[in-house]
């Protein structure tokens, strides 16, 4: 269906794409963004707990990582 036949020239096929931005897509985007931020924070804090033995050093490292994720 809609394919050119043998020897056919100047064949064209047109398709329409729906590019509307719906509320459902917006909600999915917001949810995904929140999930990614949560995962970044979880990974950063779990990594810090493994790397730091001094509480002051740990706090400073966490502040630096948080600062980097905001940029």
PDB file of N, CA and C in Angstrom:
ATOM      1  N   UNK A   1       0.841  -1.189   0.000  1.00  0.00           N
ATOM      2  CA  UNK A   1       0.000   0.000   0.000  1.00  0.00           C
ATOM      3  C   UNK A   1       0.882   1.247   0.000  1.00  0.00           C
ATOM      4  N   UNK A   2       0.536   2.203  -0.829  1.00  0.00           N
ATOM      5  CA  UNK A   2       1.242   3.479  -0.953  1.00  0.00           C
ATOM      6  C   UNK A   2       2.697   3.341  -1.378  1.00  0.00           C
ATOM      7  N   UNK A   3       3.070   2.207  -1.966  1.00  0.00           N
ATOM      8  CA  UNK A   3       4.439   2.029  -2.435  1.00  0.00           C
ATOM      9  C   UNK A   3       4.471   2.192  -3.947  1.00  0.00           C
ATOM     10  N   UNK A   4       5.598   2.643  -4.485  1.00  0.00           N
ATOM     11  CA  UNK A   4       5.674   2.826  -5.937  1.00  0.00           C
ATOM     12  C   UNK A   4       5.673   1.485  -6.664  1.00  0.00           C
ATOM     13  N   UNK A   5       5.131   1.471  -7.847  1.00  0.00           N
ATOM     14  CA  UNK A   5       5.141   0.279  -8.691  1.00  0.00           C
ATOM     15  C   UNK A   5       6.436   0.273  -9.500  1.00  0.00           C
ATOM     16  N   UNK A   6       6.782  -0.866 -10.043  1.00  0.00           N
ATOM     17  CA  UNK A   6       7.999  -0.986 -10.848  1.00  0.00           C
ATOM     18  C   UNK A   6       7.971   0.033 -11.979  1.00  0.00           C
ATOM     19  N   UNK A   7       9.032   0.792 -12.130  1.00  0.00           N
ATOM     20  CA  UNK A   7       9.155   1.771 -13.198  1.00  0.00           C
ATOM     21  C   UNK A   7       8.487   3.102 -12.907  1.00  0.00           C
ATOM     22  N   UNK A   8       7.797   3.215 -11.808  1.00  0.00           N
ATOM     23  CA  UNK A   8       7.113   4.472 -11.477  1.00  0.00           C
ATOM     24  C   UNK A   8       8.144   5.543 -11.118  1.00  0.00           C
ATOM     25  N   UNK A   9       7.924   6.754 -11.600  1.00  0.00           N
ATOM     26  CA  UNK A   9       8.842   7.861 -11.339  1.00  0.00           C
ATOM     27  C   UNK A   9       8.111   8.972 -10.603  1.00  0.00           C
ATOM     28  N   UNK A  10       8.881   9.820  -9.966  1.00  0.00           N
ATOM     29  CA  UNK A  10       8.362  10.966  -9.218  1.00  0.00           C
ATOM     30  C   UNK A  10       7.321  10.541  -8.176  1.00  0.00           C
ATOM     31  N   UNK A  11       7.633   9.476  -7.477  1.00  0.00           N
ATOM     32  CA  UNK A  11       6.735   8.947  -6.446  1.00  0.00           C
ATOM     33  C   UNK A  11       6.847   9.811  -5.197  1.00  0.00           C
ATOM     34  N   UNK A  12       5.743  10.099  -4.577  1.00  0.00           N
ATOM     35  CA  UNK A  12       5.722  10.892  -3.346  1.00  0.00           C
ATOM     36  C   UNK A  12       4.827  10.206  -2.331  1.00  0.00           C
ATOM     37  N   UNK A  13       5.237  10.303  -1.071  1.00  0.00           N
ATOM     38  CA  UNK A  13       4.416   9.785   0.025  1.00  0.00           C
ATOM     39  C   UNK A  13       4.436  10.842   1.120  1.00  0.00           C
ATOM     40  N   UNK A  14       3.289  11.244   1.551  1.00  0.00           N
ATOM     41  CA  UNK A  14       3.191  12.301   2.558  1.00  0.00           C
ATOM     42  C   UNK A  14       2.609  11.730   3.839  1.00  0.00           C
ATOM     43  N   UNK A  15       3.209  12.116   4.955  1.00  0.00           N
ATOM     44  CA  UNK A  15       2.706  11.700   6.263  1.00  0.00           C
ATOM     45  C   UNK A  15       2.615  12.950   7.143  1.00  0.00           C
ATOM     46  N   UNK A  16       1.608  13.003   7.954  1.00  0.00           N
ATOM     47  CA  UNK A  16       1.433  14.132   8.874  1.00  0.00           C
ATOM     48  C   UNK A  16       1.824  13.705  10.278  1.00  0.00           C
ATOM     49  N   UNK A  17       2.629  14.516  10.923  1.00  0.00           N
ATOM     50  CA  UNK A  17       3.047  14.243  12.294  1.00  0.00           C
ATOM     51  C   UNK A  17       2.313  15.178  13.239  1.00  0.00           C
ATOM     52  N   UNK A  18       1.857  14.622  14.346  1.00  0.00           N
ATOM     53  CA  UNK A  18       1.192  15.435  15.365  1.00  0.00           C
ATOM     54  C   UNK A  18       2.271  15.984  16.293  1.00  0.00           C
ATOM     55  N   UNK A  19       2.515  17.266  16.229  1.00  0.00           N
ATOM     56  CA  UNK A  19       3.578  17.873  17.039  1.00  0.00           C
ATOM     57  C   UNK A  19       3.021  18.699  18.193  1.00  0.00           C
ATOM     58  N   UNK A  20       1.776  18.471  18.531  1.00  0.00           N
ATOM     59  CA  UNK A  20       1.180  19.251  19.620  1.00  0.00           C
ATOM     60  C   UNK A  20       1.774  18.838  20.963  1.00  0.00           C
ATOM     61  N   UNK A  21       1.954  19.815  21.817  1.00  0.00           N
ATOM     62  CA  UNK A  21       2.503  19.583  23.155  1.00  0.00           C
ATOM     63  C   UNK A  21       1.336  19.533  24.129  1.00  0.00           C
ATOM     64  N   UNK A  22       0.999  18.352  24.572  1.00  0.00           N
ATOM     65  CA  UNK A  22      -0.183  18.179  25.415  1.00  0.00           C
ATOM     66  C   UNK A  22       0.163  18.308  26.893  1.00  0.00           C
ATOM     67  N   UNK A  23      -0.870  18.458  27.715  1.00  0.00           N
ATOM     68  CA  UNK A  23      -0.676  18.512  29.170  1.00  0.00           C
ATOM     69  C   UNK A  23      -0.058  17.217  29.680  1.00  0.00           C
ATOM     70  N   UNK A  24      -0.446  16.095  29.087  1.00  0.00           N
ATOM     71  CA  UNK A  24       0.100  14.804  29.520  1.00  0.00           C
ATOM     72  C   UNK A  24       1.609  14.760  29.295  1.00  0.00           C
ATOM     73  N   UNK A  25       2.064  15.258  28.146  1.00  0.00           N
ATOM     74  CA  UNK A  25       3.503  15.285  27.875  1.00  0.00           C
ATOM     75  C   UNK A  25       4.225  16.219  28.837  1.00  0.00           C
ATOM     76  N   UNK A  26       3.611  17.343  29.148  1.00  0.00           N
ATOM     77  CA  UNK A  26       4.215  18.292  30.086  1.00  0.00           C
ATOM     78  C   UNK A  26       4.364  17.655  31.465  1.00  0.00           C
ATOM     79  N   UNK A  27       3.333  16.950  31.919  1.00  0.00           N
ATOM     80  CA  UNK A  27       3.392  16.295  33.230  1.00  0.00           C
ATOM     81  C   UNK A  27       4.461  15.213  33.246  1.00  0.00           C
ATOM     82  N   UNK A  28       4.580  14.454  32.165  1.00  0.00           N
ATOM     83  CA  UNK A  28       5.611  13.419  32.098  1.00  0.00           C
ATOM     84  C   UNK A  28       6.999  14.042  32.159  1.00  0.00           C
ATOM     85  N   UNK A  29       7.186  15.183  31.474  1.00  0.00           N
ATOM     86  CA  UNK A  29       8.476  15.862  31.486  1.00  0.00           C
ATOM     87  C   UNK A  29       8.841  16.365  32.866  1.00  0.00           C
ATOM     88  N   UNK A  30       7.880  16.943  33.567  1.00  0.00           N
ATOM     89  CA  UNK A  30       8.120  17.455  34.919  1.00  0.00           C
ATOM     90  C   UNK A  30       8.438  16.301  35.864  1.00  0.00           C
ATOM     91  N   UNK A  31       7.699  15.208  35.746  1.00  0.00           N
ATOM     92  CA  UNK A  31       7.939  14.045  36.605  1.00  0.00           C
ATOM     93  C   UNK A  31       9.320  13.460  36.347  1.00  0.00           C
ATOM     94  N   UNK A  32       9.711  13.367  35.085  1.00  0.00           N
ATOM     95  CA  UNK A  32      11.020  12.822  34.744  1.00  0.00           C
ATOM     96  C   UNK A  32      12.140  13.717  35.255  1.00  0.00           C
ATOM     97  N   UNK A  33      11.972  15.020  35.122  1.00  0.00           N
ATOM     98  CA  UNK A  33      12.979  15.962  35.614  1.00  0.00           C
ATOM     99  C   UNK A  33      13.151  15.830  37.126  1.00  0.00           C
ATOM    100  N   UNK A  34      12.043  15.723  37.855  1.00  0.00           N
ATOM    101  CA  UNK A  34      12.108  15.548  39.301  1.00  0.00           C
ATOM    102  C   UNK A  34      12.782  14.247  39.687  1.00  0.00           C
ATOM    103  N   UNK A  35      12.483  13.188  38.952  1.00  0.00           N
ATOM    104  CA  UNK A  35      13.079  11.879  39.221  1.00  0.00           C
ATOM    105  C   UNK A  35      14.590  11.922  38.991  1.00  0.00           C
ATOM    106  N   UNK A  36      15.012  12.573  37.915  1.00  0.00           N
ATOM    107  CA  UNK A  36      16.444  12.666  37.616  1.00  0.00           C
ATOM    108  C   UNK A  36      17.175  13.450  38.701  1.00  0.00           C
ATOM    109  N   UNK A  37      16.597  14.559  39.159  1.00  0.00           N
ATOM    110  CA  UNK A  37      17.222  15.340  40.237  1.00  0.00           C
ATOM    111  C   UNK A  37      17.323  14.515  41.512  1.00  0.00           C
ATOM    112  N   UNK A  38      16.265  13.760  41.814  1.00  0.00           N
ATOM    113  CA  UNK A  38      16.271  12.920  43.009  1.00  0.00           C
ATOM    114  C   UNK A  38      17.362  11.860  42.908  1.00  0.00           C
ATOM    115  N   UNK A  39      17.496  11.237  41.741  1.00  0.00           N
ATOM    116  CA  UNK A  39      18.527  10.220  41.543  1.00  0.00           C
ATOM    117  C   UNK A  39      19.929  10.816  41.672  1.00  0.00           C
ATOM    118  N   UNK A  40      20.140  12.016  41.119  1.00  0.00           N
ATOM    119  CA  UNK A  40      21.449  12.672  41.241  1.00  0.00           C
ATOM    120  C   UNK A  40      21.791  12.904  42.704  1.00  0.00           C
ATOM    121  N   UNK A  41      20.827  13.401  43.470  1.00  0.00           N
ATOM    122  CA  UNK A  41      21.064  13.661  44.894  1.00  0.00           C
ATOM    123  C   UNK A  41      21.337  12.370  45.643  1.00  0.00           C
ATOM    124  N   UNK A  42      20.588  11.311  45.322  1.00  0.00           N
ATOM    125  CA  UNK A  42      20.782  10.030  45.996  1.00  0.00           C
ATOM    126  C   UNK A  42      22.164   9.475  45.684  1.00  0.00           C
ATOM    127  N   UNK A  43      22.554   9.519  44.416  1.00  0.00           N
ATOM    128  CA  UNK A  43      23.872   9.008  44.032  1.00  0.00           C
ATOM    129  C   UNK A  43      24.988   9.826  44.672  1.00  0.00           C
ATOM    130  N   UNK A  44      24.823  11.147  44.696  1.00  0.00           N
ATOM    131  CA  UNK A  44      25.848  12.001  45.295  1.00  0.00           C
ATOM    132  C   UNK A  44      25.996  11.708  46.779  1.00  0.00           C
ATOM    133  N   UNK A  45      24.887  11.595  47.496  1.00  0.00           N
ATOM    134  CA  UNK A  45      24.971  11.375  48.938  1.00  0.00           C
ATOM    135  C   UNK A  45      25.492   9.983  49.256  1.00  0.00           C
ATOM    136  N   UNK A  46      25.120   8.969  48.483  1.00  0.00           N
ATOM    137  CA  UNK A  46      25.606   7.619  48.770  1.00  0.00           C
ATOM    138  C   UNK A  46      27.091   7.509  48.467  1.00  0.00           C
ATOM    139  N   UNK A  47      27.563   8.209  47.443  1.00  0.00           N
ATOM    140  CA  UNK A  47      28.989   8.205  47.119  1.00  0.00           C
ATOM    141  C   UNK A  47      29.780   8.907  48.208  1.00  0.00           C
ATOM    142  N   UNK A  48      29.266  10.011  48.709  1.00  0.00           N
ATOM    143  CA  UNK A  48      29.945  10.766  49.758  1.00  0.00           C
ATOM    144  C   UNK A  48      30.081   9.923  51.018  1.00  0.00           C
ATOM    145  N   UNK A  49      29.032   9.196  51.364  1.00  0.00           N
ATOM    146  CA  UNK A  49      29.089   8.368  52.566  1.00  0.00           C
ATOM    147  C   UNK A  49      30.192   7.329  52.462  1.00  0.00           C
ATOM    148  N   UNK A  50      30.477   6.854  51.267  1.00  0.00           N
ATOM    149  CA  UNK A  50      31.528   5.861  51.084  1.00  0.00           C
ATOM    150  C   UNK A  50      32.913   6.497  51.092  1.00  0.00           C
ATOM    151  N   UNK A  51      33.005   7.770  50.683  1.00  0.00           N
ATOM    152  CA  UNK A  51      34.304   8.414  50.544  1.00  0.00           C
ATOM    153  C   UNK A  51      34.769   9.153  51.791  1.00  0.00           C
ATOM    154  N   UNK A  52      33.852   9.654  52.613  1.00  0.00           N
ATOM    155  CA  UNK A  52      34.213  10.534  53.720  1.00  0.00           C
ATOM    156  C   UNK A  52      34.246   9.789  55.050  1.00  0.00           C
ATOM    157  N   UNK A  53      35.284  10.068  55.797  1.00  0.00           N
ATOM    158  CA  UNK A  53      35.333   9.547  57.162  1.00  0.00           C
ATOM    159  C   UNK A  53      35.172  10.683  58.168  1.00  0.00           C
ATOM    160  N   UNK A  54      35.492  11.904  57.764  1.00  0.00           N
ATOM    161  CA  UNK A  54      35.380  13.091  58.607  1.00  0.00           C
ATOM    162  C   UNK A  54      34.076  13.816  58.271  1.00  0.00           C
ATOM    163  N   UNK A  55      33.268  14.146  59.288  1.00  0.00           N
ATOM    164  CA  UNK A  55      31.969  14.783  59.074  1.00  0.00           C
ATOM    165  C   UNK A  55      32.104  16.147  58.392  1.00  0.00           C
ATOM    166  N   UNK A  56      33.095  16.948  58.775  1.00  0.00           N
ATOM    167  CA  UNK A  56      33.308  18.265  58.162  1.00  0.00           C
ATOM    168  C   UNK A  56      33.656  18.145  56.687  1.00  0.00           C
ATOM    169  N   UNK A  57      34.523  17.195  56.386  1.00  0.00           N
ATOM    170  CA  UNK A  57      34.911  16.962  54.988  1.00  0.00           C
ATOM    171  C   UNK A  57      33.705  16.493  54.173  1.00  0.00           C
ATOM    172  N   UNK A  58      32.896  15.654  54.783  1.00  0.00           N
ATOM    173  CA  UNK A  58      31.702  15.132  54.119  1.00  0.00           C
ATOM    174  C   UNK A  58      30.725  16.264  53.805  1.00  0.00           C
ATOM    175  N   UNK A  59      30.500  17.150  54.757  1.00  0.00           N
ATOM    176  CA  UNK A  59      29.589  18.276  54.563  1.00  0.00           C
ATOM    177  C   UNK A  59      30.088  19.196  53.449  1.00  0.00           C
ATOM    178  N   UNK A  60      31.375  19.477  53.456  1.00  0.00           N
ATOM    179  CA  UNK A  60      31.957  20.339  52.420  1.00  0.00           C
ATOM    180  C   UNK A  60      31.818  19.705  51.032  1.00  0.00           C
ATOM    181  N   UNK A  61      32.054  18.416  50.940  1.00  0.00           N
ATOM    182  CA  UNK A  61      31.922  17.711  49.666  1.00  0.00           C
ATOM    183  C   UNK A  61      30.484  17.741  49.175  1.00  0.00           C
ATOM    184  N   UNK A  62      29.538  17.526  50.085  1.00  0.00           N
ATOM    185  CA  UNK A  62      28.124  17.557  49.707  1.00  0.00           C
ATOM    186  C   UNK A  62      27.725  18.941  49.199  1.00  0.00           C
ATOM    187  N   UNK A  63      28.202  19.984  49.852  1.00  0.00           N
ATOM    188  CA  UNK A  63      27.879  21.346  49.429  1.00  0.00           C
ATOM    189  C   UNK A  63      28.446  21.631  48.041  1.00  0.00           C
ATOM    190  N   UNK A  64      29.646  21.151  47.777  1.00  0.00           N
ATOM    191  CA  UNK A  64      30.265  21.359  46.464  1.00  0.00           C
ATOM    192  C   UNK A  64      29.511  20.610  45.373  1.00  0.00           C
ATOM    193  N   UNK A  65      29.087  19.394  45.644  1.00  0.00           N
ATOM    194  CA  UNK A  65      28.338  18.614  44.654  1.00  0.00           C
ATOM    195  C   UNK A  65      26.988  19.255  44.402  1.00  0.00           C
ATOM    196  N   UNK A  66      26.319  19.699  45.460  1.00  0.00           N
ATOM    197  CA  UNK A  66      25.006  20.331  45.297  1.00  0.00           C
ATOM    198  C   UNK A  66      25.141  21.599  44.459  1.00  0.00           C
ATOM    199  N   UNK A  67      26.224  22.348  44.690  1.00  0.00           N
ATOM    200  CA  UNK A  67      26.476  23.576  43.934  1.00  0.00           C
ATOM    201  C   UNK A  67      26.654  23.247  42.452  1.00  0.00           C
ATOM    202  N   UNK A  68      27.353  22.158  42.147  1.00  0.00           N
ATOM    203  CA  UNK A  68      27.610  21.767  40.761  1.00  0.00           C
ATOM    204  C   UNK A  68      26.343  21.318  40.050  1.00  0.00           C
ATOM    205  N   UNK A  69      25.402  20.683  40.748  1.00  0.00           N
ATOM    206  CA  UNK A  69      24.173  20.219  40.100  1.00  0.00           C
ATOM    207  C   UNK A  69      23.225  21.363  39.814  1.00  0.00           C
ATOM    208  N   UNK A  70      23.361  22.477  40.504  1.00  0.00           N
ATOM    209  CA  UNK A  70      22.489  23.628  40.292  1.00  0.00           C
ATOM    210  C   UNK A  70      22.899  24.425  39.060  1.00  0.00           C
ATOM    211  N   UNK A  71      24.130  24.266  38.607  1.00  0.00           N
ATOM    212  CA  UNK A  71      24.644  25.055  37.471  1.00  0.00           C
ATOM    213  C   UNK A  71      24.116  24.538  36.160  1.00  0.00           C
TER     214      UNK A  71
END
